[in-house]
Structures are given as C-alpha cells and as structure tokens.
Amino acid sequence: MQRKSIPRGELALNSPVPLYEQITRVLLDEVRAPGAASRRLGSDTALMARFGVSRMTIRSAVDELVRRGLVRRIQGKGTYVVDPRSVEVRLDGLERFLQEWHAPHVRTEAKILAFRTMAAPPAVASALGLPARAAVLHVRRLRQGDDGPIVVDDRYVPGWCSDKLCRADAAKQSLFVSIEAHTGVRTETVEQTITSAGATAAEAKLLKIAAGDAVLERSVLFMTGDGRPTLCGRSVYRADRVQFRLRASRDAT
C-alpha cells in the first residue's frame, strides 16, 4: 500500500519499532491530553488516511489502546476516549467488588504495604464481633493505575477464616474470594458506608496529593448468609480519580 498521507514527525518508516506501535504512541499522547475524555476517536478509515497504513495496522494500534483501558468501543457508535483519571466503582452487588480488580477501562495493580497478624483495634473488634484485642490479619494495599495511585485500603480478617490466606491472595483479588477458595466460607452480603474526608498526611503521601485534600472514604463489612462477619475495612480513594455508581430497581429486595 502506498503511504502518501503520513503526518511529518509522527511515523518513522525505517524504524525498528513496528508501525502499529508508533501509531499507538501518537494516539496515546492524544487520548491522555486534557479535554480528550469522551471524545470520539477517529474511525478506522480516517486513521488509515491520516497515517497512510492498512486497516490491520490501525486496528492493532486501537486494540492496544482498548487493552490499556484508554478507549472503548461502543457497538454502532464508534470508539471513544475514556477518562484515564476516573475509575467507576459500581455498588450493585458483590460481583462489582470482583470487577474492581479488573476494571475494563484502567489497568491497575496492587502493592502490598502490610500483611501481618495484629491485635484488633477496638472499632475492628466491634465490627467483626470479636473480643477486645483478638488476633486479626491486617492487609494494607495501594492500588495504582498507569497514571498513579488510586486508592489505599486496609482490610481486617478474623483468625477463624484467615489462616490460609497469603500475600499472593491479597495482591490478585478481593479477599472475600480468597477466603471462600481456602475455607469454603461464602460471603453473601456486604454493607458499605461512603463519606467525604480530608486526606491524612500518611494517606496523602501514598496517594500523591496534599494533606487535607478531598478523598472519598468507603467502609465495608462482609458477612456470611447467617450474618457472621468475614472481614471489614476501609478504603481511601483520590476524589479526582474515582466515581461511585449505584443502581437500584423498584422490585429489588
């Protein structure tokens, strides 16, 4: 195919870097630019004309942006830029906690900051229905995406269902999933409270914001079908990177 519409400075035809990867880099800068969120990405045909390459090359480049969670395809409408600063957390069901670990529009990883057995703080012991200073597993994680930290969370698991948990569990998925896998104890319900707060100095350092900046604080309590707590905790989110969404219906019980 003759390449006659290549923008000067955007592609190097003799580079060892594949053309699709060069195009990905160009588009990456554009979709991350201020004001790009929700903008429609050019059609395959338009991008083919712009870069002077085949449809397969363009699709490979756009597929990479989709994989990174920076754009999304909407059937019948086109491909749109997703705000890379925003993680949507849905609250309508336990399965949404699973989806937080595989958010479709932002690639995240969890860094384990603490994994230790400790005496339960009073509020934790009360939430879990434990005696004062009973032993609990404390897990602190920092979740971050390509553009930096998103949330720091603390989780506390009572000894009766934490013995077989390991650091690898904490890094890859929600702890209630690991509890079920290792012990057969099934979580059926979760209670959540969401409030606004100011970041403490320690939270601000982890989240790379200023102390006192606005954060969203979510407290959670997971329970079995008969109401026995399996874990509790608190998550602190950067308010500029997260939005919460709740869906309800009239016939919900």
Protein backbone atom coordinates (compact mmCIF):
# COMPACT_ATOMS: atom_id res chain seq x y z
CA MET A 1 0.00 0.00 0.00
CA GLN A 2 1.35 3.45 -0.91
CA ARG A 3 1.85 5.65 2.15
CA LYS A 4 1.18 9.19 0.99
CA SER A 5 -0.59 10.79 3.98
CA ILE A 6 1.90 10.25 6.80
CA PRO A 7 1.99 13.31 9.10
CA ARG A 8 5.50 14.68 9.34
CA GLY A 9 7.23 13.59 12.54
CA GLU A 10 4.60 11.02 13.53
CA LEU A 11 5.92 7.85 11.88
CA ALA A 12 9.43 6.67 11.07
CA LEU A 13 9.17 4.21 8.21
CA ASN A 14 12.69 2.85 8.67
CA SER A 15 12.43 2.47 12.44
CA PRO A 16 12.73 -0.99 14.04
CA VAL A 17 9.61 -0.05 16.05
CA PRO A 18 6.55 -1.53 14.28
CA LEU A 19 4.21 0.98 12.65
CA TYR A 20 1.26 -0.04 14.82
CA GLU A 21 3.34 0.63 17.94
CA GLN A 22 4.38 4.06 16.64
CA ILE A 23 0.73 4.89 15.95
CA THR A 24 -0.21 3.66 19.42
CA ARG A 25 2.31 6.08 20.94
CA VAL A 26 0.96 9.01 18.92
CA LEU A 27 -2.63 8.24 19.86
CA LEU A 28 -1.63 7.58 23.46
CA ASP A 29 -0.40 11.16 23.81
CA GLU A 30 -3.60 12.44 22.25
CA VAL A 31 -6.09 10.47 24.36
CA ARG A 32 -4.28 11.47 27.54
CA ALA A 33 -4.30 15.16 26.67
CA PRO A 34 -6.50 17.49 28.76
CA GLY A 35 -10.03 17.61 27.42
CA ALA A 36 -9.77 14.35 25.49
CA ALA A 37 -12.18 12.42 27.72
CA SER A 38 -15.37 11.24 26.00
CA ARG A 39 -14.11 12.45 22.61
CA ARG A 40 -14.73 10.11 19.69
CA LEU A 41 -11.55 8.59 18.33
CA GLY A 42 -11.22 8.78 14.56
CA SER A 43 -12.78 5.94 12.58
CA ASP A 44 -10.54 3.21 11.19
CA THR A 45 -10.93 4.76 7.74
CA ALA A 46 -9.97 8.22 8.99
CA LEU A 47 -6.97 6.89 10.85
CA MET A 48 -5.90 4.87 7.78
CA ALA A 49 -5.96 8.07 5.73
CA ARG A 50 -4.15 10.03 8.40
CA PHE A 51 -1.27 7.60 8.87
CA GLY A 52 -1.26 6.01 5.42
CA VAL A 53 -1.32 2.45 6.72
CA SER A 54 -3.52 -0.61 6.37
CA ARG A 55 -6.70 -1.29 8.32
CA MET A 56 -4.96 -4.18 10.10
CA THR A 57 -2.23 -1.84 11.36
CA ILE A 58 -4.78 0.69 12.62
CA ARG A 59 -6.81 -2.00 14.36
CA SER A 60 -3.69 -3.33 16.06
CA ALA A 61 -2.93 0.16 17.39
CA VAL A 62 -6.50 0.80 18.57
CA ASP A 63 -6.72 -2.70 20.09
CA GLU A 64 -3.70 -1.81 22.22
CA LEU A 65 -5.44 1.35 23.46
CA VAL A 66 -8.51 -0.73 24.29
CA ARG A 67 -6.35 -3.24 26.13
CA ARG A 68 -4.83 -0.43 28.19
CA GLY A 69 -8.32 0.82 29.00
CA LEU A 70 -7.87 4.24 27.39
CA VAL A 71 -10.57 3.89 24.75
CA ARG A 72 -13.65 1.75 24.44
CA ARG A 73 -15.66 0.54 21.51
CA ILE A 74 -19.43 1.09 21.56
CA GLN A 75 -21.21 -1.05 19.03
CA GLY A 76 -22.90 1.02 16.34
CA LYS A 77 -21.40 4.28 17.60
CA GLY A 78 -17.63 4.08 17.37
CA THR A 79 -14.58 4.23 19.61
CA TYR A 80 -14.46 6.79 22.42
CA VAL A 81 -11.75 8.06 24.72
CA VAL A 82 -12.18 7.08 28.38
CA ASP A 83 -11.08 9.49 31.08
CA PRO A 84 -7.88 7.80 32.37
CA ARG A 85 -8.24 9.55 35.72
CA SER A 86 -11.61 8.05 36.52
CA VAL A 87 -12.34 4.61 37.90
CA GLU A 88 -16.01 3.77 38.13
CA VAL A 89 -16.96 1.68 41.15
CA ARG A 90 -20.42 0.15 40.96
CA LEU A 91 -22.15 -0.81 44.17
CA ASP A 92 -24.98 -3.03 42.94
CA GLY A 93 -23.83 -6.48 44.03
CA LEU A 94 -20.83 -8.43 45.30
CA GLU A 95 -19.70 -9.13 41.76
CA ARG A 96 -18.79 -5.45 41.47
CA PHE A 97 -16.04 -6.00 44.00
CA LEU A 98 -14.59 -8.57 41.63
CA GLN A 99 -14.78 -6.10 38.76
CA GLU A 100 -12.80 -3.52 40.72
CA TRP A 101 -9.82 -5.84 40.32
CA HIS A 102 -10.32 -5.99 36.57
CA ALA A 103 -11.67 -2.55 35.73
CA PRO A 104 -12.36 -2.55 31.99
CA HIS A 105 -11.08 0.99 31.38
CA VAL A 106 -7.99 1.25 33.58
CA ARG A 107 -5.18 -1.20 34.19
CA THR A 108 -4.40 -1.44 37.90
CA GLU A 109 -2.04 -3.30 40.17
CA ALA A 110 -1.97 -3.81 43.91
CA LYS A 111 1.11 -3.14 46.01
CA ILE A 112 1.07 -4.89 49.40
CA LEU A 113 2.15 -2.43 52.08
CA ALA A 114 1.32 -4.60 55.10
CA PHE A 115 0.42 -8.25 55.67
CA ARG A 116 0.55 -9.09 59.35
CA THR A 117 -1.29 -10.54 62.33
CA MET A 118 -2.10 -7.95 64.97
CA ALA A 119 -4.40 -7.18 67.89
CA ALA A 120 -7.69 -5.84 66.56
CA PRO A 121 -8.25 -2.12 67.17
CA PRO A 122 -11.45 -1.51 69.18
CA ALA A 123 -13.55 -0.46 66.16
CA VAL A 124 -12.40 -3.50 64.18
CA ALA A 125 -13.10 -5.92 67.05
CA SER A 126 -16.57 -4.45 67.41
CA ALA A 127 -17.33 -4.69 63.67
CA LEU A 128 -16.15 -8.29 63.49
CA GLY A 129 -17.88 -9.33 66.72
CA LEU A 130 -14.59 -10.29 68.38
CA PRO A 131 -13.26 -9.91 71.92
CA ALA A 132 -11.09 -6.86 72.57
CA ARG A 133 -7.59 -7.21 71.09
CA ALA A 134 -8.40 -10.53 69.39
CA ALA A 135 -5.90 -11.51 66.69
CA VAL A 136 -6.80 -10.44 63.14
CA LEU A 137 -5.00 -10.41 59.83
CA HIS A 138 -4.33 -6.85 58.67
CA VAL A 139 -3.74 -6.22 54.96
CA ARG A 140 -2.92 -2.80 53.56
CA ARG A 141 -2.79 -2.35 49.80
CA LEU A 142 -2.10 0.52 47.44
CA ARG A 143 -3.96 0.22 44.15
CA GLN A 144 -2.49 2.20 41.29
CA GLY A 145 -3.01 2.58 37.56
CA ASP A 146 -0.84 3.77 34.70
CA ASP A 147 -1.30 7.37 35.83
CA GLY A 148 -0.56 6.87 39.51
CA PRO A 149 -2.22 5.85 42.79
CA ILE A 150 -5.98 5.46 43.06
CA VAL A 151 -6.81 4.00 46.47
CA VAL A 152 -5.22 2.75 49.65
CA ASP A 153 -7.20 0.20 51.59
CA ASP A 154 -7.00 -1.59 54.92
CA ARG A 155 -8.70 -4.94 55.47
CA TYR A 156 -9.06 -6.95 58.68
CA VAL A 157 -9.87 -10.66 58.67
CA PRO A 158 -10.70 -12.66 61.84
CA GLY A 159 -8.45 -15.58 62.69
CA TRP A 160 -11.11 -18.23 62.09
CA CYS A 161 -11.07 -17.57 58.33
CA SER A 162 -7.63 -16.05 57.70
CA ASP A 163 -5.21 -18.90 58.48
CA LYS A 164 -4.69 -19.95 54.87
CA LEU A 165 -4.53 -16.51 53.29
CA CYS A 166 -1.21 -15.41 51.81
CA ARG A 167 0.31 -12.26 50.30
CA ALA A 168 -0.32 -13.56 46.79
CA ASP A 169 -4.05 -13.71 47.53
CA ALA A 170 -4.05 -10.10 48.65
CA ALA A 171 -2.26 -8.93 45.51
CA LYS A 172 -4.52 -10.56 42.95
CA GLN A 173 -8.14 -10.36 44.09
CA SER A 174 -10.68 -9.36 46.72
CA LEU A 175 -10.00 -11.13 50.00
CA PHE A 176 -13.54 -12.47 50.32
CA VAL A 177 -12.85 -14.52 47.16
CA SER A 178 -9.69 -15.98 48.70
CA ILE A 179 -11.49 -16.75 51.96
CA GLU A 180 -14.10 -18.72 50.06
CA ALA A 181 -11.49 -20.54 47.98
CA HIS A 182 -9.41 -21.59 51.00
CA THR A 183 -12.09 -22.25 53.62
CA GLY A 184 -15.38 -22.68 51.80
CA VAL A 185 -16.84 -19.80 53.85
CA ARG A 186 -19.10 -17.93 51.46
CA THR A 187 -19.72 -14.20 51.72
CA GLU A 188 -23.33 -13.35 50.93
CA THR A 189 -23.76 -9.69 51.87
CA VAL A 190 -21.72 -6.53 52.21
CA GLU A 191 -22.54 -3.29 53.99
CA GLN A 192 -20.91 -0.08 52.79
CA THR A 193 -20.69 3.48 54.02
CA ILE A 194 -19.24 6.23 51.83
CA THR A 195 -18.23 9.64 53.15
CA SER A 196 -16.02 12.52 52.13
CA ALA A 197 -12.96 13.37 54.18
CA GLY A 198 -9.63 15.14 54.12
CA ALA A 199 -6.51 13.07 53.48
CA THR A 200 -4.23 12.50 56.45
CA ALA A 201 -0.53 13.13 55.98
CA ALA A 202 0.15 9.39 55.61
CA GLU A 203 -2.69 8.90 53.10
CA ALA A 204 -1.65 11.96 51.14
CA LYS A 205 1.90 10.65 50.79
CA LEU A 206 0.67 7.32 49.41
CA LEU A 207 -1.90 8.88 47.09
CA LYS A 208 0.46 11.68 45.95
CA ILE A 209 -1.82 14.50 46.96
CA ALA A 210 -1.59 17.22 49.58
CA ALA A 211 -2.57 16.59 53.18
CA GLY A 212 -6.16 17.72 53.66
CA ASP A 213 -7.11 17.25 50.01
CA ALA A 214 -10.55 15.75 49.45
CA VAL A 215 -10.78 11.96 49.42
CA LEU A 216 -13.67 9.50 49.33
CA GLU A 217 -13.71 7.09 52.24
CA ARG A 218 -15.55 3.77 51.99
CA SER A 219 -16.07 1.46 54.96
CA VAL A 220 -17.06 -2.14 54.22
CA LEU A 221 -18.27 -5.12 56.23
CA PHE A 222 -18.58 -8.54 54.57
CA MET A 223 -20.80 -11.23 56.10
CA THR A 224 -21.92 -14.80 55.62
CA GLY A 225 -25.54 -15.70 54.97
CA ASP A 226 -26.19 -16.01 58.71
CA GLY A 227 -24.64 -12.62 59.44
CA ARG A 228 -21.20 -13.68 60.67
CA PRO A 229 -18.57 -11.09 59.68
CA THR A 230 -15.75 -12.41 57.48
CA LEU A 231 -13.82 -9.17 57.03
CA CYS A 232 -14.10 -5.45 57.42
CA GLY A 233 -12.09 -2.48 56.34
CA ARG A 234 -11.72 0.98 54.97
CA SER A 235 -10.65 2.32 51.56
CA VAL A 236 -9.49 5.86 50.84
CA TYR A 237 -9.81 7.00 47.21
CA ARG A 238 -8.45 10.02 45.41
CA ALA A 239 -11.59 12.04 44.80
CA ASP A 240 -10.32 13.19 41.39
CA ARG A 241 -9.88 9.64 40.13
CA VAL A 242 -12.96 7.74 41.25
CA GLN A 243 -16.70 7.97 40.88
CA PHE A 244 -19.22 5.73 42.64
CA ARG A 245 -22.30 4.49 40.86
CA LEU A 246 -25.34 2.89 42.47
CA ARG A 247 -28.07 1.17 40.51
CA ALA A 248 -31.41 0.27 42.07
CA SER A 249 -34.75 -1.03 40.84
CA ARG A 250 -38.25 -0.91 42.31
CA ASP A 251 -38.51 -4.68 42.61
CA ALA A 252 -35.12 -5.09 44.35
CA THR A 253 -35.37 -6.85 47.70
